[in-house]
Amino acid sequence: MQLLALGLNHQTAPLALREQVAFVPEEVGQAISRLCERFGEARHGGLSEAAIVSTCNRTELYCAVEEPDVVARQLTNFLADQKQLDRAEIARASYLRPRADAVRHAFRVASGLDSMVLGEPQILGQMKQAERLARDAGGMGLLLNHLFQRTFAVAKEVRSQTEIGAQSVSMAAAAVRVAERIFGSLTDSSVLFVGAGEMIELTATHFAARQPKAMAVANRTIERAYALAARLHGQALRLAQLPEVLSKFDIVVSCTASSLPIIGLGLVERAIKARRHRPMFIVDLAVPRDVEPEVARLNDVYVYTVDDLGRIVASGNESRQAAVAQAETIIETRVHDFESWLRTRAAVPAIQGLRARAEDLRSREMERARRRLAAGDAPEAVLEQMSQALTNKFLHAPISALHGTAGGHSAGGAGNSAEDEAARAQLAAILARFYTNPDH
């Protein structure tokens, strides 16, 4: 089995495309089942494990396959078909990471090196969620399980041994910074948070530190709205109340899992009219977007998406380049460790087969020796014959390999590839070291 990763992110695809390929948690299990069904047969690539990482900045498929070249040619088509998008457009915006490159990519993503906000910690939690969803869907096996567990360990190592996350300007901090450019001090501003997830909680904490005049949380599940509002000393609202309360807020921060916009053009137009055109700042942290794109064209309304905020935070990334170099070194070391584990796993079937063959030979010679002893043969002669038979049979395969290498061909005749010759030469070298080293 080999690793294969396909994805698109903020560096390769615009927000409009990223929101179209995003998977909400409820879609992941079914998508993984379809992946395994479509590519599960050996002739279609032998895909047996799959996980999907989908955030505001990326959608990535991680797979364990027998034939990566076969699956790679069709994986972009699968993603396009799932989301009913143009295949050519997905192909242009996506990247493919086979084998060790897939491992390296996963390590970099979890460590925050591939994020819009360099060093941001939220991606690690999002990858852990992806692992849980894949496990629940039956998509996790030996290979992907080891990949994700090693990924989490590498991310922890990078964050503990480097300054990659130090003085990182987060999306939440950038949103507060833009709000202060528009309104000055926020002590006279009212802030509405739409949603109650992790990103909203983080952003709410940053805004709360500026002590705004009022804060409220609107959520589809009112219990979660009450829980967050209580921590903020704010008001809890139902999502259905948005049309009647939107005009009361100067700042709106939205991040829900809705597949369709929940803040439309008409809703904001009415709110601005009721506000008598006092400015409104709307932060849309959701992918797919919570705010209709047309809202940004309204006068007196300032709409910032994740890409807009990403351009702001990128300006602070240069100061952390030394930490990036240190993190890359750690990651390369861990990629080599993972490759060593893969090589070890690849040898397991051969080792098991070798042990089984040796046990079969031993059992046969023991049975033959018992029959000779029962027939009255001298024990010393029986032991001598059994030891010689075992020695000859155990050495038959390695001697054949050595003869095949020395002669430039195996017993099967000519027509062997250069790869076969190289493999036999490598085997011969290993056997020579083994049988000539008394320590073995």
Protein backbone atom coordinates (compact mmCIF):
# COMPACT_ATOMS: atom_id res chain seq x y z
CA MET A 1 0.00 0.00 0.00
CA GLN A 2 1.20 3.51 -0.82
CA LEU A 3 0.09 6.98 0.21
CA LEU A 4 -1.51 9.47 -2.15
CA ALA A 5 -2.86 12.95 -1.37
CA LEU A 6 -4.88 15.21 -3.64
CA GLY A 7 -6.03 18.69 -2.69
CA LEU A 8 -6.49 22.34 -3.40
CA ASN A 9 -5.92 25.25 -1.04
CA HIS A 10 -5.73 29.03 -0.70
CA GLN A 11 -2.54 29.07 -2.78
CA THR A 12 -4.02 27.20 -5.75
CA ALA A 13 -7.74 28.01 -5.73
CA PRO A 14 -9.81 31.17 -5.15
CA LEU A 15 -12.37 31.32 -2.38
CA ALA A 16 -15.25 30.87 -4.83
CA LEU A 17 -13.87 27.46 -5.85
CA ARG A 18 -12.80 26.41 -2.36
CA GLU A 19 -16.30 26.87 -1.01
CA GLN A 20 -17.69 24.72 -3.81
CA VAL A 21 -15.43 21.75 -3.01
CA ALA A 22 -15.73 22.02 0.77
CA PHE A 23 -17.16 19.02 2.66
CA VAL A 24 -19.26 19.61 5.76
CA PRO A 25 -18.76 16.91 8.45
CA GLU A 26 -22.05 15.25 7.56
CA GLU A 27 -20.83 14.63 3.98
CA VAL A 28 -17.46 13.10 4.82
CA GLY A 29 -18.58 9.57 5.69
CA GLN A 30 -20.55 9.11 2.49
CA ALA A 31 -17.73 10.57 0.38
CA ILE A 32 -15.22 8.14 1.91
CA SER A 33 -17.56 5.22 1.20
CA ARG A 34 -17.86 6.32 -2.43
CA LEU A 35 -14.07 6.64 -2.72
CA CYS A 36 -13.54 3.09 -1.49
CA GLU A 37 -16.33 1.78 -3.70
CA ARG A 38 -15.04 3.51 -6.84
CA PHE A 39 -11.36 2.67 -6.44
CA GLY A 40 -11.47 -0.37 -4.16
CA GLU A 41 -10.95 -3.03 -6.80
CA ALA A 42 -7.35 -3.84 -7.71
CA ARG A 43 -7.87 -2.90 -11.36
CA HIS A 44 -9.12 0.53 -10.26
CA GLY A 45 -6.21 1.19 -7.91
CA GLY A 46 -6.90 -0.90 -4.83
CA LEU A 47 -7.89 2.00 -2.54
CA SER A 48 -8.59 0.65 0.96
CA GLU A 49 -8.20 3.70 3.24
CA ALA A 50 -9.28 7.33 2.88
CA ALA A 51 -9.60 10.53 4.91
CA ILE A 52 -10.84 14.00 3.96
CA VAL A 53 -9.48 17.23 5.44
CA SER A 54 -11.80 20.16 4.66
CA THR A 55 -11.31 23.63 6.15
CA CYS A 56 -11.82 27.20 5.03
CA ASN A 57 -8.40 27.13 3.36
CA ARG A 58 -8.23 23.62 1.89
CA THR A 59 -9.91 20.41 0.83
CA GLU A 60 -7.60 17.39 0.72
CA LEU A 61 -8.07 13.67 0.18
CA TYR A 62 -5.56 11.28 1.79
CA CYS A 63 -5.65 7.71 0.48
CA ALA A 64 -3.85 4.39 0.87
CA VAL A 65 -3.75 2.64 -2.51
CA GLU A 66 -2.04 -0.28 -4.22
CA GLU A 67 -1.64 1.48 -7.59
CA PRO A 68 -1.13 5.25 -7.03
CA ASP A 69 -0.65 5.97 -10.73
CA VAL A 70 -4.04 4.45 -11.54
CA VAL A 71 -5.89 6.34 -8.79
CA ALA A 72 -4.05 9.63 -9.40
CA ARG A 73 -5.43 9.88 -12.93
CA GLN A 74 -9.01 9.68 -11.66
CA LEU A 75 -9.00 11.34 -8.23
CA THR A 76 -9.55 14.85 -9.58
CA ASN A 77 -12.48 13.52 -11.60
CA PHE A 78 -13.93 11.98 -8.45
CA LEU A 79 -13.76 15.31 -6.60
CA ALA A 80 -15.30 17.16 -9.53
CA ASP A 81 -18.08 14.61 -9.85
CA GLN A 82 -18.84 14.70 -6.13
CA LYS A 83 -19.32 18.46 -6.23
CA GLN A 84 -20.71 18.62 -9.79
CA LEU A 85 -17.92 20.89 -10.99
CA ASP A 86 -15.91 21.15 -14.19
CA ARG A 87 -13.18 18.49 -14.20
CA ALA A 88 -10.66 20.70 -16.00
CA GLU A 89 -11.13 23.49 -13.45
CA ILE A 90 -10.49 21.11 -10.55
CA ALA A 91 -7.45 19.67 -12.30
CA ARG A 92 -5.95 23.15 -12.81
CA ALA A 93 -6.44 24.15 -9.17
CA SER A 94 -5.39 20.89 -7.50
CA TYR A 95 -2.07 19.36 -6.51
CA LEU A 96 -1.05 15.73 -6.17
CA ARG A 97 1.32 14.45 -3.49
CA PRO A 98 2.43 10.80 -3.87
CA ARG A 99 4.28 8.65 -1.35
CA ALA A 100 6.82 10.61 0.74
CA ASP A 101 5.51 13.93 -0.62
CA ALA A 102 2.11 13.11 0.88
CA VAL A 103 3.74 12.48 4.27
CA ARG A 104 5.73 15.70 4.06
CA HIS A 105 2.64 17.66 3.05
CA ALA A 106 0.57 16.32 5.96
CA PHE A 107 3.34 17.20 8.42
CA ARG A 108 3.63 20.74 7.01
CA VAL A 109 -0.11 21.32 7.08
CA ALA A 110 -0.52 20.18 10.70
CA SER A 111 2.47 22.28 11.76
CA GLY A 112 0.95 25.45 10.30
CA LEU A 113 3.59 25.85 7.58
CA ASP A 114 1.05 25.60 4.77
CA SER A 115 -1.56 27.87 6.37
CA MET A 116 -2.69 31.31 5.33
CA VAL A 117 -1.78 32.38 8.87
CA LEU A 118 1.72 30.97 9.34
CA GLY A 119 1.89 28.86 12.47
CA GLU A 120 -1.84 29.06 13.26
CA PRO A 121 -2.89 26.28 15.66
CA GLN A 122 -6.49 25.67 14.52
CA ILE A 123 -5.47 23.42 11.63
CA LEU A 124 -4.20 20.74 14.01
CA GLY A 125 -7.63 20.48 15.62
CA GLN A 126 -9.23 20.35 12.19
CA MET A 127 -6.96 17.49 11.13
CA LYS A 128 -7.82 15.62 14.34
CA GLN A 129 -11.48 16.05 13.49
CA ALA A 130 -10.79 14.70 9.98
CA GLU A 131 -9.12 11.64 11.52
CA ARG A 132 -12.13 11.02 13.78
CA LEU A 133 -14.59 11.35 10.89
CA ALA A 134 -12.53 8.98 8.74
CA ARG A 135 -12.34 6.46 11.57
CA ASP A 136 -16.11 6.61 12.10
CA ALA A 137 -16.61 6.06 8.35
CA GLY A 138 -14.31 3.02 8.30
CA GLY A 139 -11.69 4.83 6.24
CA MET A 140 -8.77 4.42 8.65
CA GLY A 141 -6.43 1.46 8.35
CA LEU A 142 -2.85 0.74 9.37
CA LEU A 143 -1.24 3.19 6.94
CA LEU A 144 -3.45 6.26 7.42
CA ASN A 145 -3.68 5.67 11.15
CA HIS A 146 0.10 5.75 11.41
CA LEU A 147 0.26 8.80 9.13
CA PHE A 148 -2.18 10.84 11.21
CA GLN A 149 -0.72 9.81 14.57
CA ARG A 150 2.78 10.71 13.38
CA THR A 151 1.39 13.96 11.93
CA PHE A 152 -0.02 14.99 15.30
CA ALA A 153 3.27 14.13 17.01
CA VAL A 154 5.32 16.11 14.47
CA ALA A 155 3.06 19.17 14.83
CA LYS A 156 3.53 19.04 18.60
CA GLU A 157 7.30 18.72 18.18
CA VAL A 158 7.46 21.68 15.79
CA ARG A 159 5.43 23.91 18.09
CA SER A 160 7.41 22.96 21.19
CA GLN A 161 10.87 23.29 19.61
CA THR A 162 10.40 26.32 17.34
CA GLU A 163 8.88 29.79 17.51
CA ILE A 164 6.61 29.12 14.54
CA GLY A 165 3.51 30.27 16.43
CA ALA A 166 5.13 33.17 18.28
CA GLN A 167 3.56 36.57 17.64
CA SER A 168 1.34 35.02 14.98
CA VAL A 169 -1.33 37.43 13.79
CA SER A 170 -4.47 35.30 13.64
CA MET A 171 -7.57 35.83 11.55
CA ALA A 172 -9.37 36.91 14.72
CA ALA A 173 -6.73 39.50 15.57
CA ALA A 174 -6.76 40.77 11.99
CA ALA A 175 -10.56 41.17 12.15
CA VAL A 176 -10.27 43.28 15.30
CA ARG A 177 -7.54 45.36 13.68
CA VAL A 178 -9.72 46.14 10.65
CA ALA A 179 -12.70 46.95 12.89
CA GLU A 180 -10.61 49.48 14.78
CA ARG A 181 -9.55 51.11 11.51
CA ILE A 182 -13.24 51.64 10.67
CA PHE A 183 -14.69 52.57 14.06
CA GLY A 184 -11.67 53.62 16.10
CA SER A 185 -12.20 52.46 19.69
CA LEU A 186 -14.72 49.64 19.88
CA THR A 187 -16.15 50.69 23.24
CA ASP A 188 -19.14 52.27 21.50
CA SER A 189 -19.68 49.41 19.03
CA SER A 190 -22.10 46.48 19.14
CA VAL A 191 -20.86 43.09 17.92
CA LEU A 192 -22.94 40.15 16.69
CA PHE A 193 -21.43 36.68 16.32
CA VAL A 194 -23.31 34.33 14.00
CA GLY A 195 -22.44 30.73 14.87
CA ALA A 196 -20.92 29.24 18.02
CA GLY A 197 -18.05 27.08 16.80
CA GLU A 198 -14.34 27.18 17.59
CA MET A 199 -13.52 30.02 15.19
CA ILE A 200 -16.34 32.19 16.53
CA GLU A 201 -15.23 31.53 20.11
CA LEU A 202 -11.67 32.56 19.26
CA THR A 203 -12.79 35.71 17.44
CA ALA A 204 -15.23 36.60 20.21
CA THR A 205 -12.41 36.41 22.75
CA HIS A 206 -10.38 38.95 20.75
CA PHE A 207 -13.31 41.34 20.40
CA ALA A 208 -14.29 40.96 24.06
CA ALA A 209 -10.81 42.16 25.05
CA ARG A 210 -11.67 45.51 23.40
CA GLN A 211 -14.74 45.85 25.69
CA PRO A 212 -17.40 46.68 23.08
CA LYS A 213 -20.68 48.24 24.18
CA ALA A 214 -22.69 45.08 23.54
CA MET A 215 -22.20 41.55 22.25
CA ALA A 216 -24.65 38.89 21.10
CA VAL A 217 -24.49 35.36 19.73
CA ALA A 218 -26.97 34.04 17.17
CA ASN A 219 -26.98 30.32 16.49
CA ARG A 220 -29.25 27.67 15.04
CA THR A 221 -28.97 25.73 18.32
CA ILE A 222 -30.00 28.18 21.01
CA GLU A 223 -28.33 26.18 23.79
CA ARG A 224 -24.90 26.73 22.25
CA ALA A 225 -25.71 30.40 21.78
CA TYR A 226 -26.58 30.70 25.47
CA ALA A 227 -23.36 28.92 26.50
CA LEU A 228 -21.09 31.27 24.52
CA ALA A 229 -23.14 34.40 25.31
CA ALA A 230 -22.87 33.65 29.03
CA ARG A 231 -19.07 33.65 28.82
CA LEU A 232 -19.16 36.94 26.92
CA HIS A 233 -21.79 38.49 29.22
CA GLY A 234 -23.84 39.01 26.07
CA GLN A 235 -27.23 38.15 24.59
CA ALA A 236 -28.24 34.84 23.01
CA LEU A 237 -30.37 34.89 19.86
CA ARG A 238 -31.91 32.39 17.51
CA LEU A 239 -30.67 32.45 13.92
CA ALA A 240 -34.23 33.12 12.80
CA GLN A 241 -34.10 36.49 14.61
CA LEU A 242 -31.42 37.89 12.27
CA PRO A 243 -33.80 39.93 10.07
CA GLU A 244 -35.17 41.86 13.06
CA VAL A 245 -31.89 42.43 14.96
CA LEU A 246 -29.18 42.83 12.29
CA SER A 247 -29.53 46.60 12.05
CA LYS A 248 -28.66 46.98 15.74
CA PHE A 249 -25.07 45.80 15.26
CA ASP A 250 -22.06 47.68 13.91
CA ILE A 251 -19.90 44.56 13.56
CA VAL A 252 -21.07 41.13 12.41
CA VAL A 253 -18.77 38.10 12.49
CA SER A 254 -20.19 34.97 10.86
CA CYS A 255 -18.86 31.43 10.68
CA THR A 256 -21.41 28.64 10.36
CA ALA A 257 -21.45 25.27 8.62
CA SER A 258 -24.30 26.29 6.33
CA SER A 259 -23.96 25.19 2.72
CA LEU A 260 -25.83 28.32 1.55
CA PRO A 261 -25.45 32.03 2.49
CA ILE A 262 -27.49 33.04 5.52
CA ILE A 263 -26.85 36.79 5.22
CA GLY A 264 -28.30 37.90 1.91
CA LEU A 265 -28.27 41.12 -0.06
CA GLY A 266 -31.84 42.06 0.79
CA LEU A 267 -31.31 41.45 4.49
CA VAL A 268 -28.28 43.75 4.64
CA GLU A 269 -29.95 46.41 2.46
CA ARG A 270 -32.82 46.65 4.92
CA ALA A 271 -30.42 46.74 7.86
CA ILE A 272 -28.38 49.61 6.34
CA LYS A 273 -31.54 51.55 5.61
CA ALA A 274 -32.70 51.11 9.22
CA ARG A 275 -29.24 52.24 10.40
CA ARG A 276 -29.58 55.38 8.25
CA HIS A 277 -26.40 54.34 6.43
CA ARG A 278 -24.17 54.20 9.46
CA PRO A 279 -21.28 51.89 8.44
CA MET A 280 -21.41 48.17 9.10
CA PHE A 281 -18.41 45.84 9.18
CA ILE A 282 -19.11 42.20 8.26
CA VAL A 283 -16.49 39.46 8.70
CA ASP A 284 -17.26 36.23 6.84
CA LEU A 285 -15.02 33.45 8.14
CA ALA A 286 -17.07 30.61 6.66
CA VAL A 287 -16.31 28.40 3.67
CA PRO A 288 -18.74 28.10 1.93
CA ARG A 289 -19.46 31.78 2.55
CA ASP A 290 -22.21 32.86 4.93
CA VAL A 291 -22.57 36.25 3.21
CA GLU A 292 -23.75 36.67 -0.37
CA PRO A 293 -20.88 38.15 -2.46
CA GLU A 294 -23.19 40.94 -3.73
CA VAL A 295 -23.33 42.43 -0.21
CA ALA A 296 -19.77 43.72 -0.66
CA ARG A 297 -20.99 46.10 -3.38
CA LEU A 298 -23.26 48.02 -1.00
CA ASN A 299 -22.26 51.47 0.18
CA ASP A 300 -21.46 51.78 3.88
CA VAL A 301 -20.88 48.03 4.20
CA TYR A 302 -17.35 46.61 4.57
CA VAL A 303 -17.18 42.85 3.94
CA TYR A 304 -14.00 40.89 4.65
CA THR A 305 -13.63 37.21 3.76
CA VAL A 306 -10.97 34.74 4.92
CA ASP A 307 -8.88 35.62 1.85
CA ASP A 308 -9.08 39.35 2.62
CA LEU A 309 -7.92 38.78 6.19
CA GLY A 310 -5.26 36.36 4.95
CA ARG A 311 -3.61 39.10 2.94
CA ILE A 312 -3.41 41.20 6.09
CA VAL A 313 -1.82 38.54 8.26
CA ALA A 314 0.66 37.54 5.55
CA SER A 315 2.60 40.74 6.14
CA GLY A 316 3.81 39.42 9.51
CA ASN A 317 5.09 36.10 8.21
CA GLU A 318 8.56 37.31 7.22
CA SER A 319 9.67 37.68 10.83
CA ARG A 320 9.17 33.96 11.44
CA GLN A 321 11.25 32.62 8.55
CA ALA A 322 14.01 31.38 10.89
CA ALA A 323 11.42 29.30 12.73
CA VAL A 324 10.14 28.01 9.40
CA ALA A 325 13.59 26.75 8.43
CA GLN A 326 13.95 25.02 11.79
CA ALA A 327 10.51 23.44 11.42
CA GLU A 328 11.31 22.20 7.90
CA THR A 329 14.41 20.44 9.24
CA ILE A 330 12.35 18.65 11.90
CA ILE A 331 9.78 17.64 9.31
CA GLU A 332 12.38 16.22 6.90
CA THR A 333 13.81 14.08 9.69
CA ARG A 334 10.37 12.74 10.55
CA VAL A 335 9.58 12.06 6.88
CA HIS A 336 12.68 9.84 6.71
CA ASP A 337 11.53 8.08 9.90
CA PHE A 338 8.15 7.43 8.30
CA GLU A 339 9.78 6.03 5.17
CA SER A 340 11.87 3.69 7.33
CA TRP A 341 8.68 2.46 9.00
CA LEU A 342 7.14 1.87 5.56
CA ARG A 343 10.14 -0.16 4.45
CA THR A 344 9.90 -2.23 7.61
CA ARG A 345 6.21 -2.85 6.98
CA ALA A 346 6.93 -3.85 3.38
CA ALA A 347 9.30 -6.58 4.62
CA VAL A 348 6.76 -8.09 7.03
CA PRO A 349 5.03 -10.38 4.48
CA ALA A 350 8.40 -11.68 3.28
CA ILE A 351 9.52 -12.32 6.87
CA GLN A 352 6.26 -14.11 7.66
CA GLY A 353 6.61 -16.21 4.51
CA LEU A 354 10.22 -17.06 5.35
CA ARG A 355 9.28 -18.16 8.86
CA ALA A 356 6.40 -20.26 7.55
CA ARG A 357 8.66 -21.92 4.96
CA ALA A 358 11.33 -22.66 7.59
CA GLU A 359 8.75 -24.14 9.93
CA ASP A 360 7.39 -26.32 7.12
CA LEU A 361 10.89 -27.63 6.31
CA ARG A 362 11.60 -28.29 9.98
CA SER A 363 8.32 -30.17 10.47
CA ARG A 364 8.93 -32.36 7.44
CA GLU A 365 12.47 -33.29 8.47
CA MET A 366 11.34 -33.96 12.05
CA GLU A 367 8.63 -36.31 10.78
CA ARG A 368 11.13 -38.08 8.51
CA ALA A 369 13.55 -38.42 11.43
CA ARG A 370 10.84 -39.90 13.68
CA ARG A 371 10.00 -42.51 11.04
CA ARG A 372 13.68 -43.54 10.72
CA LEU A 373 14.07 -43.79 14.48
CA ALA A 374 10.90 -45.90 14.69
CA ALA A 375 12.38 -48.15 11.98
CA GLY A 376 15.42 -48.75 14.19
CA ASP A 377 18.03 -46.50 12.51
CA ALA A 378 20.91 -45.29 14.67
CA PRO A 379 20.08 -41.94 16.37
CA GLU A 380 23.42 -40.42 15.43
CA ALA A 381 22.88 -41.25 11.74
CA VAL A 382 19.34 -39.87 11.87
CA LEU A 383 20.49 -36.60 13.47
CA GLU A 384 23.35 -36.25 10.99
CA GLN A 385 21.02 -36.77 8.00
CA MET A 386 18.38 -34.37 9.42
CA SER A 387 20.92 -31.59 10.07
CA GLN A 388 22.40 -31.92 6.57
CA ALA A 389 18.94 -31.87 4.97
CA LEU A 390 17.90 -28.77 6.91
CA THR A 391 21.18 -26.99 6.08
CA ASN A 392 20.88 -27.74 2.36
CA LYS A 393 17.24 -26.71 2.15
CA PHE A 394 17.72 -23.51 4.16
CA LEU A 395 20.67 -22.49 1.97
CA HIS A 396 19.07 -23.41 -1.36
CA ALA A 397 17.30 -20.06 -1.92
CA PRO A 398 20.18 -17.72 -0.97
CA ILE A 399 22.70 -19.77 -2.97
CA SER A 400 20.40 -19.65 -6.00
CA ALA A 401 20.16 -15.87 -5.61
CA LEU A 402 23.93 -15.52 -5.40
CA HIS A 403 24.44 -17.73 -8.48
CA GLY A 404 21.83 -15.77 -10.38
CA THR A 405 23.57 -12.46 -9.60
CA ALA A 406 27.01 -13.76 -10.45
CA GLY A 407 25.81 -15.15 -13.77
CA GLY A 408 23.96 -11.99 -14.75
CA HIS A 409 20.63 -13.86 -14.97
CA SER A 410 18.39 -16.00 -12.85
CA ALA A 411 17.35 -19.58 -13.37
CA GLY A 412 14.34 -18.27 -15.27
CA GLY A 413 16.51 -17.21 -18.18
CA ALA A 414 17.10 -13.94 -19.97
CA GLY A 415 14.78 -10.98 -20.32
CA ASN A 416 15.13 -9.65 -16.76
CA SER A 417 14.93 -5.90 -16.25
CA ALA A 418 17.64 -3.69 -14.84
CA GLU A 419 15.48 -3.34 -11.72
CA ASP A 420 15.47 -7.14 -11.27
CA GLU A 421 19.27 -7.27 -11.64
CA ALA A 422 19.68 -4.47 -9.12
CA ALA A 423 17.32 -6.20 -6.68
CA ARG A 424 19.25 -9.48 -6.95
CA ALA A 425 22.53 -7.67 -6.46
CA GLN A 426 21.16 -5.98 -3.36
CA LEU A 427 19.89 -9.31 -2.04
CA ALA A 428 23.25 -10.94 -2.71
CA ALA A 429 25.05 -8.19 -0.81
CA ILE A 430 22.71 -8.61 2.17
CA LEU A 431 23.15 -12.39 2.17
CA ALA A 432 26.91 -12.09 1.86
CA ARG A 433 27.06 -9.77 4.89
CA PHE A 434 24.76 -12.05 6.85
CA TYR A 435 26.58 -15.32 6.19
CA THR A 436 30.11 -13.94 6.56
CA ASN A 437 29.51 -11.98 9.78
CA PRO A 438 30.02 -14.24 12.81
CA ASP A 439 27.94 -11.84 14.97
CA HIS A 440 24.83 -12.97 13.08
